């Protein structure tokens, strides 16, 4: 799969997105509370992501419908206030 600019979509994009949602304390969006149960997100390779939860959360599958952000375009904080 590729992004609109032809760059590969990878597991790093998924990790980048969920790191923003779970670790960025400057992010002020109501949706971030949906991801409070995520304890870690790790890319095992370009196509595999492991997401661990701190406790069971039946709603999490619905929350994972959140769009993924392109790390190669947004790393370095340029994403703030654009998407959330």
PDB file of N, CA and C in Angstrom:
ATOM      1  N   UNK A   1       0.854  -1.159   0.000  1.00  0.00           N
ATOM      2  CA  UNK A   1       0.000   0.000   0.000  1.00  0.00           C
ATOM      3  C   UNK A   1       0.906   1.228   0.000  1.00  0.00           C
ATOM      4  N   UNK A   2       0.427   2.270  -0.633  1.00  0.00           N
ATOM      5  CA  UNK A   2       1.206   3.505  -0.751  1.00  0.00           C
ATOM      6  C   UNK A   2       0.369   4.705  -0.301  1.00  0.00           C
ATOM      7  N   UNK A   3       1.074   5.732   0.140  1.00  0.00           N
ATOM      8  CA  UNK A   3       0.436   7.013   0.429  1.00  0.00           C
ATOM      9  C   UNK A   3       0.178   7.725  -0.894  1.00  0.00           C
ATOM     10  N   UNK A   4      -0.542   8.824  -0.844  1.00  0.00           N
ATOM     11  CA  UNK A   4      -0.889   9.581  -2.041  1.00  0.00           C
ATOM     12  C   UNK A   4       0.336  10.078  -2.808  1.00  0.00           C
ATOM     13  N   UNK A   5       1.473  10.224  -2.122  1.00  0.00           N
ATOM     14  CA  UNK A   5       2.688  10.719  -2.770  1.00  0.00           C
ATOM     15  C   UNK A   5       3.607   9.591  -3.239  1.00  0.00           C
ATOM     16  N   UNK A   6       3.134   8.344  -3.148  1.00  0.00           N
ATOM     17  CA  UNK A   6       3.897   7.212  -3.621  1.00  0.00           C
ATOM     18  C   UNK A   6       4.788   6.544  -2.592  1.00  0.00           C
ATOM     19  N   UNK A   7       4.919   7.135  -1.413  1.00  0.00           N
ATOM     20  CA  UNK A   7       5.723   6.528  -0.347  1.00  0.00           C
ATOM     21  C   UNK A   7       4.976   5.329   0.224  1.00  0.00           C
ATOM     22  N   UNK A   8       5.741   4.335   0.658  1.00  0.00           N
ATOM     23  CA  UNK A   8       5.142   3.140   1.249  1.00  0.00           C
ATOM     24  C   UNK A   8       4.443   3.448   2.572  1.00  0.00           C
ATOM     25  N   UNK A   9       3.302   2.839   2.778  1.00  0.00           N
ATOM     26  CA  UNK A   9       2.606   2.841   4.067  1.00  0.00           C
ATOM     27  C   UNK A   9       3.251   1.724   4.883  1.00  0.00           C
ATOM     28  N   UNK A  10       3.738   2.040   6.092  1.00  0.00           N
ATOM     29  CA  UNK A  10       4.410   1.028   6.903  1.00  0.00           C
ATOM     30  C   UNK A  10       3.867   1.019   8.329  1.00  0.00           C
ATOM     31  N   UNK A  11       4.324   0.042   9.063  1.00  0.00           N
ATOM     32  CA  UNK A  11       3.951  -0.064  10.473  1.00  0.00           C
ATOM     33  C   UNK A  11       4.408   1.163  11.252  1.00  0.00           C
ATOM     34  N   UNK A  12       5.489   1.814  10.813  1.00  0.00           N
ATOM     35  CA  UNK A  12       5.956   3.031  11.494  1.00  0.00           C
ATOM     36  C   UNK A  12       4.912   4.140  11.453  1.00  0.00           C
ATOM     37  N   UNK A  13       4.101   4.184  10.399  1.00  0.00           N
ATOM     38  CA  UNK A  13       3.025   5.173  10.326  1.00  0.00           C
ATOM     39  C   UNK A  13       1.979   4.903  11.406  1.00  0.00           C
ATOM     40  N   UNK A  14       1.686   3.636  11.633  1.00  0.00           N
ATOM     41  CA  UNK A  14       0.716   3.258  12.673  1.00  0.00           C
ATOM     42  C   UNK A  14       1.268   3.618  14.049  1.00  0.00           C
ATOM     43  N   UNK A  15       2.520   3.278  14.306  1.00  0.00           N
ATOM     44  CA  UNK A  15       3.151   3.611  15.592  1.00  0.00           C
ATOM     45  C   UNK A  15       3.167   5.122  15.781  1.00  0.00           C
ATOM     46  N   UNK A  16       3.539   5.865  14.765  1.00  0.00           N
ATOM     47  CA  UNK A  16       3.567   7.327  14.822  1.00  0.00           C
ATOM     48  C   UNK A  16       2.202   7.886  15.218  1.00  0.00           C
ATOM     49  N   UNK A  17       1.154   7.404  14.569  1.00  0.00           N
ATOM     50  CA  UNK A  17      -0.202   7.886  14.850  1.00  0.00           C
ATOM     51  C   UNK A  17      -0.608   7.615  16.290  1.00  0.00           C
ATOM     52  N   UNK A  18      -0.410   6.377  16.748  1.00  0.00           N
ATOM     53  CA  UNK A  18      -0.847   6.043  18.103  1.00  0.00           C
ATOM     54  C   UNK A  18       0.068   6.631  19.165  1.00  0.00           C
ATOM     55  N   UNK A  19       1.325   6.904  18.833  1.00  0.00           N
ATOM     56  CA  UNK A  19       2.187   7.635  19.774  1.00  0.00           C
ATOM     57  C   UNK A  19       1.655   9.046  19.982  1.00  0.00           C
ATOM     58  N   UNK A  20       1.217   9.688  18.910  1.00  0.00           N
ATOM     59  CA  UNK A  20       0.630  11.024  19.038  1.00  0.00           C
ATOM     60  C   UNK A  20      -0.604  10.967  19.939  1.00  0.00           C
ATOM     61  N   UNK A  21      -1.464  10.005  19.679  1.00  0.00           N
ATOM     62  CA  UNK A  21      -2.721   9.906  20.422  1.00  0.00           C
ATOM     63  C   UNK A  21      -2.524   9.545  21.896  1.00  0.00           C
ATOM     64  N   UNK A  22      -1.438   8.855  22.221  1.00  0.00           N
ATOM     65  CA  UNK A  22      -1.253   8.386  23.603  1.00  0.00           C
ATOM     66  C   UNK A  22      -0.174   9.128  24.374  1.00  0.00           C
ATOM     67  N   UNK A  23       0.740   9.810  23.700  1.00  0.00           N
ATOM     68  CA  UNK A  23       1.875  10.417  24.399  1.00  0.00           C
ATOM     69  C   UNK A  23       1.964  11.932  24.302  1.00  0.00           C
ATOM     70  N   UNK A  24       1.356  12.511  23.304  1.00  0.00           N
ATOM     71  CA  UNK A  24       1.474  13.957  23.108  1.00  0.00           C
ATOM     72  C   UNK A  24       0.552  14.692  24.073  1.00  0.00           C
ATOM     73  N   UNK A  25       1.142  15.267  25.109  1.00  0.00           N
ATOM     74  CA  UNK A  25       0.360  15.951  26.145  1.00  0.00           C
ATOM     75  C   UNK A  25      -0.165  17.309  25.681  1.00  0.00           C
ATOM     76  N   UNK A  26       0.345  17.826  24.555  1.00  0.00           N
ATOM     77  CA  UNK A  26      -0.146  19.111  24.049  1.00  0.00           C
ATOM     78  C   UNK A  26      -1.373  18.941  23.167  1.00  0.00           C
ATOM     79  N   UNK A  27      -1.668  17.716  22.822  1.00  0.00           N
ATOM     80  CA  UNK A  27      -2.816  17.444  21.956  1.00  0.00           C
ATOM     81  C   UNK A  27      -4.103  17.638  22.744  1.00  0.00           C
ATOM     82  N   UNK A  28      -4.961  18.472  22.245  1.00  0.00           N
ATOM     83  CA  UNK A  28      -6.218  18.725  22.946  1.00  0.00           C
ATOM     84  C   UNK A  28      -7.386  18.296  22.066  1.00  0.00           C
ATOM     85  N   UNK A  29      -7.664  17.004  22.120  1.00  0.00           N
ATOM     86  CA  UNK A  29      -8.773  16.454  21.340  1.00  0.00           C
ATOM     87  C   UNK A  29      -9.540  15.475  22.215  1.00  0.00           C
ATOM     88  N   UNK A  30     -10.841  15.509  22.111  1.00  0.00           N
ATOM     89  CA  UNK A  30     -11.665  14.632  22.939  1.00  0.00           C
ATOM     90  C   UNK A  30     -11.443  13.167  22.618  1.00  0.00           C
ATOM     91  N   UNK A  31     -11.013  12.857  21.420  1.00  0.00           N
ATOM     92  CA  UNK A  31     -10.834  11.469  21.004  1.00  0.00           C
ATOM     93  C   UNK A  31      -9.645  10.800  21.704  1.00  0.00           C
ATOM     94  N   UNK A  32      -8.701  11.559  22.223  1.00  0.00           N
ATOM     95  CA  UNK A  32      -7.513  10.954  22.842  1.00  0.00           C
ATOM     96  C   UNK A  32      -7.869  10.086  24.040  1.00  0.00           C
ATOM     97  N   UNK A  33      -8.948  10.384  24.727  1.00  0.00           N
ATOM     98  CA  UNK A  33      -9.339   9.571  25.882  1.00  0.00           C
ATOM     99  C   UNK A  33      -9.712   8.141  25.472  1.00  0.00           C
ATOM    100  N   UNK A  34     -10.070   7.950  24.215  1.00  0.00           N
ATOM    101  CA  UNK A  34     -10.392   6.603  23.728  1.00  0.00           C
ATOM    102  C   UNK A  34      -9.181   5.677  23.757  1.00  0.00           C
ATOM    103  N   UNK A  35      -8.003   6.246  23.768  1.00  0.00           N
ATOM    104  CA  UNK A  35      -6.784   5.460  23.635  1.00  0.00           C
ATOM    105  C   UNK A  35      -5.986   5.361  24.928  1.00  0.00           C
ATOM    106  N   UNK A  36      -6.575   5.738  26.040  1.00  0.00           N
ATOM    107  CA  UNK A  36      -5.883   5.707  27.336  1.00  0.00           C
ATOM    108  C   UNK A  36      -5.473   4.307  27.764  1.00  0.00           C
ATOM    109  N   UNK A  37      -6.142   3.286  27.303  1.00  0.00           N
ATOM    110  CA  UNK A  37      -5.815   1.912  27.703  1.00  0.00           C
ATOM    111  C   UNK A  37      -4.665   1.306  26.910  1.00  0.00           C
ATOM    112  N   UNK A  38      -4.150   2.018  25.933  1.00  0.00           N
ATOM    113  CA  UNK A  38      -2.997   1.509  25.178  1.00  0.00           C
ATOM    114  C   UNK A  38      -1.751   1.699  26.029  1.00  0.00           C
ATOM    115  N   UNK A  39      -1.072   0.608  26.319  1.00  0.00           N
ATOM    116  CA  UNK A  39       0.153   0.706  27.111  1.00  0.00           C
ATOM    117  C   UNK A  39       1.404   0.733  26.230  1.00  0.00           C
ATOM    118  N   UNK A  40       1.338   0.146  25.039  1.00  0.00           N
ATOM    119  CA  UNK A  40       2.476   0.222  24.124  1.00  0.00           C
ATOM    120  C   UNK A  40       2.047  -0.081  22.695  1.00  0.00           C
ATOM    121  N   UNK A  41       2.792   0.510  21.770  1.00  0.00           N
ATOM    122  CA  UNK A  41       2.604   0.270  20.342  1.00  0.00           C
ATOM    123  C   UNK A  41       3.997   0.080  19.757  1.00  0.00           C
ATOM    124  N   UNK A  42       4.201  -1.038  19.082  1.00  0.00           N
ATOM    125  CA  UNK A  42       5.532  -1.364  18.587  1.00  0.00           C
ATOM    126  C   UNK A  42       5.443  -1.978  17.196  1.00  0.00           C
ATOM    127  N   UNK A  43       6.323  -1.538  16.308  1.00  0.00           N
ATOM    128  CA  UNK A  43       6.421  -2.127  14.972  1.00  0.00           C
ATOM    129  C   UNK A  43       7.421  -3.277  15.027  1.00  0.00           C
ATOM    130  N   UNK A  44       6.983  -4.474  14.670  1.00  0.00           N
ATOM    131  CA  UNK A  44       7.886  -5.618  14.625  1.00  0.00           C
ATOM    132  C   UNK A  44       8.662  -5.661  13.306  1.00  0.00           C
ATOM    133  N   UNK A  45       8.018  -5.217  12.248  1.00  0.00           N
ATOM    134  CA  UNK A  45       8.636  -5.085  10.931  1.00  0.00           C
ATOM    135  C   UNK A  45       7.788  -4.085  10.147  1.00  0.00           C
ATOM    136  N   UNK A  46       8.033  -3.920   8.874  1.00  0.00           N
ATOM    137  CA  UNK A  46       7.300  -2.918   8.080  1.00  0.00           C
ATOM    138  C   UNK A  46       5.806  -3.178   7.977  1.00  0.00           C
ATOM    139  N   UNK A  47       5.385  -4.417   8.245  1.00  0.00           N
ATOM    140  CA  UNK A  47       3.986  -4.784   8.039  1.00  0.00           C
ATOM    141  C   UNK A  47       3.273  -5.292   9.282  1.00  0.00           C
ATOM    142  N   UNK A  48       3.950  -5.261  10.443  1.00  0.00           N
ATOM    143  CA  UNK A  48       3.373  -5.838  11.654  1.00  0.00           C
ATOM    144  C   UNK A  48       3.469  -4.862  12.816  1.00  0.00           C
ATOM    145  N   UNK A  49       2.322  -4.612  13.455  1.00  0.00           N
ATOM    146  CA  UNK A  49       2.256  -3.740  14.623  1.00  0.00           C
ATOM    147  C   UNK A  49       1.667  -4.530  15.782  1.00  0.00           C
ATOM    148  N   UNK A  50       2.268  -4.381  16.953  1.00  0.00           N
ATOM    149  CA  UNK A  50       1.732  -4.988  18.167  1.00  0.00           C
ATOM    150  C   UNK A  50       1.277  -3.859  19.083  1.00  0.00           C
ATOM    151  N   UNK A  51      -0.004  -3.893  19.425  1.00  0.00           N
ATOM    152  CA  UNK A  51      -0.577  -2.907  20.340  1.00  0.00           C
ATOM    153  C   UNK A  51      -0.992  -3.642  21.596  1.00  0.00           C
ATOM    154  N   UNK A  52      -0.448  -3.216  22.738  1.00  0.00           N
ATOM    155  CA  UNK A  52      -0.792  -3.841  24.014  1.00  0.00           C
ATOM    156  C   UNK A  52      -1.654  -2.885  24.824  1.00  0.00           C
ATOM    157  N   UNK A  53      -2.664  -3.457  25.458  1.00  0.00           N
ATOM    158  CA  UNK A  53      -3.569  -2.672  26.299  1.00  0.00           C
ATOM    159  C   UNK A  53      -3.269  -2.946  27.767  1.00  0.00           C
ATOM    160  N   UNK A  54      -3.496  -1.950  28.592  1.00  0.00           N
ATOM    161  CA  UNK A  54      -3.279  -2.113  30.032  1.00  0.00           C
ATOM    162  C   UNK A  54      -4.426  -2.876  30.684  1.00  0.00           C
ATOM    163  N   UNK A  55      -5.582  -2.883  30.021  1.00  0.00           N
ATOM    164  CA  UNK A  55      -6.730  -3.645  30.508  1.00  0.00           C
ATOM    165  C   UNK A  55      -7.654  -3.931  29.327  1.00  0.00           C
ATOM    166  N   UNK A  56      -8.536  -4.864  29.519  1.00  0.00           N
ATOM    167  CA  UNK A  56      -9.504  -5.226  28.494  1.00  0.00           C
ATOM    168  C   UNK A  56     -10.380  -4.019  28.161  1.00  0.00           C
ATOM    169  N   UNK A  57     -10.598  -3.790  26.874  1.00  0.00           N
ATOM    170  CA  UNK A  57     -11.433  -2.689  26.435  1.00  0.00           C
ATOM    171  C   UNK A  57     -12.181  -3.133  25.175  1.00  0.00           C
ATOM    172  N   UNK A  58     -13.416  -3.532  25.344  1.00  0.00           N
ATOM    173  CA  UNK A  58     -14.220  -4.047  24.231  1.00  0.00           C
ATOM    174  C   UNK A  58     -14.448  -3.002  23.146  1.00  0.00           C
ATOM    175  N   UNK A  59     -14.407  -1.741  23.487  1.00  0.00           N
ATOM    176  CA  UNK A  59     -14.656  -0.678  22.510  1.00  0.00           C
ATOM    177  C   UNK A  59     -13.436  -0.364  21.653  1.00  0.00           C
ATOM    178  N   UNK A  60     -12.278  -0.878  22.024  1.00  0.00           N
ATOM    179  CA  UNK A  60     -11.043  -0.512  21.327  1.00  0.00           C
ATOM    180  C   UNK A  60     -11.089  -0.836  19.835  1.00  0.00           C
ATOM    181  N   UNK A  61     -11.709  -1.927  19.446  1.00  0.00           N
ATOM    182  CA  UNK A  61     -11.791  -2.242  18.017  1.00  0.00           C
ATOM    183  C   UNK A  61     -12.493  -1.136  17.238  1.00  0.00           C
ATOM    184  N   UNK A  62     -13.504  -0.536  17.825  1.00  0.00           N
ATOM    185  CA  UNK A  62     -14.157   0.605  17.180  1.00  0.00           C
ATOM    186  C   UNK A  62     -13.214   1.804  17.105  1.00  0.00           C
ATOM    187  N   UNK A  63     -12.423   2.003  18.151  1.00  0.00           N
ATOM    188  CA  UNK A  63     -11.501   3.143  18.185  1.00  0.00           C
ATOM    189  C   UNK A  63     -10.401   3.016  17.140  1.00  0.00           C
ATOM    190  N   UNK A  64     -10.059   1.779  16.775  1.00  0.00           N
ATOM    191  CA  UNK A  64      -9.005   1.574  15.792  1.00  0.00           C
ATOM    192  C   UNK A  64      -9.432   1.958  14.379  1.00  0.00           C
ATOM    193  N   UNK A  65     -10.626   2.453  14.203  1.00  0.00           N
ATOM    194  CA  UNK A  65     -11.055   2.940  12.892  1.00  0.00           C
ATOM    195  C   UNK A  65     -10.517   4.341  12.610  1.00  0.00           C
ATOM    196  N   UNK A  66      -9.804   4.906  13.577  1.00  0.00           N
ATOM    197  CA  UNK A  66      -9.172   6.218  13.417  1.00  0.00           C
ATOM    198  C   UNK A  66      -8.195   6.162  12.248  1.00  0.00           C
ATOM    199  N   UNK A  67      -8.165   7.172  11.427  1.00  0.00           N
ATOM    200  CA  UNK A  67      -7.233   7.202  10.299  1.00  0.00           C
ATOM    201  C   UNK A  67      -5.781   7.236  10.749  1.00  0.00           C
ATOM    202  N   UNK A  68      -4.914   6.691   9.938  1.00  0.00           N
ATOM    203  CA  UNK A  68      -3.483   6.668  10.219  1.00  0.00           C
ATOM    204  C   UNK A  68      -2.823   7.855   9.518  1.00  0.00           C
ATOM    205  N   UNK A  69      -1.835   8.448  10.193  1.00  0.00           N
ATOM    206  CA  UNK A  69      -1.144   9.623   9.671  1.00  0.00           C
ATOM    207  C   UNK A  69       0.171   9.227   8.997  1.00  0.00           C
ATOM    208  N   UNK A  70       0.581   9.936   7.952  1.00  0.00           N
ATOM    209  CA  UNK A  70       1.844   9.637   7.279  1.00  0.00           C
ATOM    210  C   UNK A  70       3.039  10.232   8.031  1.00  0.00           C
ATOM    211  N   UNK A  71       3.810   9.373   8.658  1.00  0.00           N
ATOM    212  CA  UNK A  71       4.950   9.822   9.461  1.00  0.00           C
ATOM    213  C   UNK A  71       5.932  10.649   8.634  1.00  0.00           C
ATOM    214  N   UNK A  72       6.191  10.233   7.413  1.00  0.00           N
ATOM    215  CA  UNK A  72       7.200  10.917   6.597  1.00  0.00           C
ATOM    216  C   UNK A  72       6.822  12.363   6.279  1.00  0.00           C
ATOM    217  N   UNK A  73       5.560  12.698   6.360  1.00  0.00           N
ATOM    218  CA  UNK A  73       5.117  14.073   6.108  1.00  0.00           C
ATOM    219  C   UNK A  73       4.941  14.895   7.376  1.00  0.00           C
ATOM    220  N   UNK A  74       4.715  14.225   8.502  1.00  0.00           N
ATOM    221  CA  UNK A  74       4.281  14.947   9.689  1.00  0.00           C
ATOM    222  C   UNK A  74       5.214  14.873  10.884  1.00  0.00           C
ATOM    223  N   UNK A  75       6.284  14.080  10.822  1.00  0.00           N
ATOM    224  CA  UNK A  75       7.170  13.976  11.979  1.00  0.00           C
ATOM    225  C   UNK A  75       7.787  15.329  12.289  1.00  0.00           C
ATOM    226  N   UNK A  76       8.125  15.527  13.536  1.00  0.00           N
ATOM    227  CA  UNK A  76       8.711  16.794  13.946  1.00  0.00           C
ATOM    228  C   UNK A  76       7.704  17.793  14.458  1.00  0.00           C
ATOM    229  N   UNK A  77       6.471  17.358  14.724  1.00  0.00           N
ATOM    230  CA  UNK A  77       5.475  18.229  15.325  1.00  0.00           C
ATOM    231  C   UNK A  77       4.654  19.036  14.346  1.00  0.00           C
ATOM    232  N   UNK A  78       4.863  18.848  13.061  1.00  0.00           N
ATOM    233  CA  UNK A  78       4.123  19.633  12.071  1.00  0.00           C
ATOM    234  C   UNK A  78       2.668  19.217  11.971  1.00  0.00           C
ATOM    235  N   UNK A  79       2.288  18.132  12.630  1.00  0.00           N
ATOM    236  CA  UNK A  79       0.926  17.618  12.564  1.00  0.00           C
ATOM    237  C   UNK A  79      -0.031  18.394  13.464  1.00  0.00           C
ATOM    238  N   UNK A  80       0.485  19.059  14.466  1.00  0.00           N
ATOM    239  CA  UNK A  80      -0.374  19.645  15.496  1.00  0.00           C
ATOM    240  C   UNK A  80      -1.394  20.608  14.897  1.00  0.00           C
ATOM    241  N   UNK A  81      -2.584  20.493  15.389  1.00  0.00           N
ATOM    242  CA  UNK A  81      -3.711  21.357  15.030  1.00  0.00           C
ATOM    243  C   UNK A  81      -4.179  21.206  13.590  1.00  0.00           C
ATOM    244  N   UNK A  82      -3.685  20.186  12.877  1.00  0.00           N
ATOM    245  CA  UNK A  82      -4.154  19.959  11.515  1.00  0.00           C
ATOM    246  C   UNK A  82      -5.224  18.887  11.466  1.00  0.00           C
ATOM    247  N   UNK A  83      -5.062  17.850  12.271  1.00  0.00           N
ATOM    248  CA  UNK A  83      -5.921  16.693  12.138  1.00  0.00           C
ATOM    249  C   UNK A  83      -6.868  16.478  13.303  1.00  0.00           C
ATOM    250  N   UNK A  84      -6.552  17.025  14.475  1.00  0.00           N
ATOM    251  CA  UNK A  84      -7.342  16.703  15.656  1.00  0.00           C
ATOM    252  C   UNK A  84      -8.052  17.908  16.190  1.00  0.00           C
TER     253      UNK A  84
END
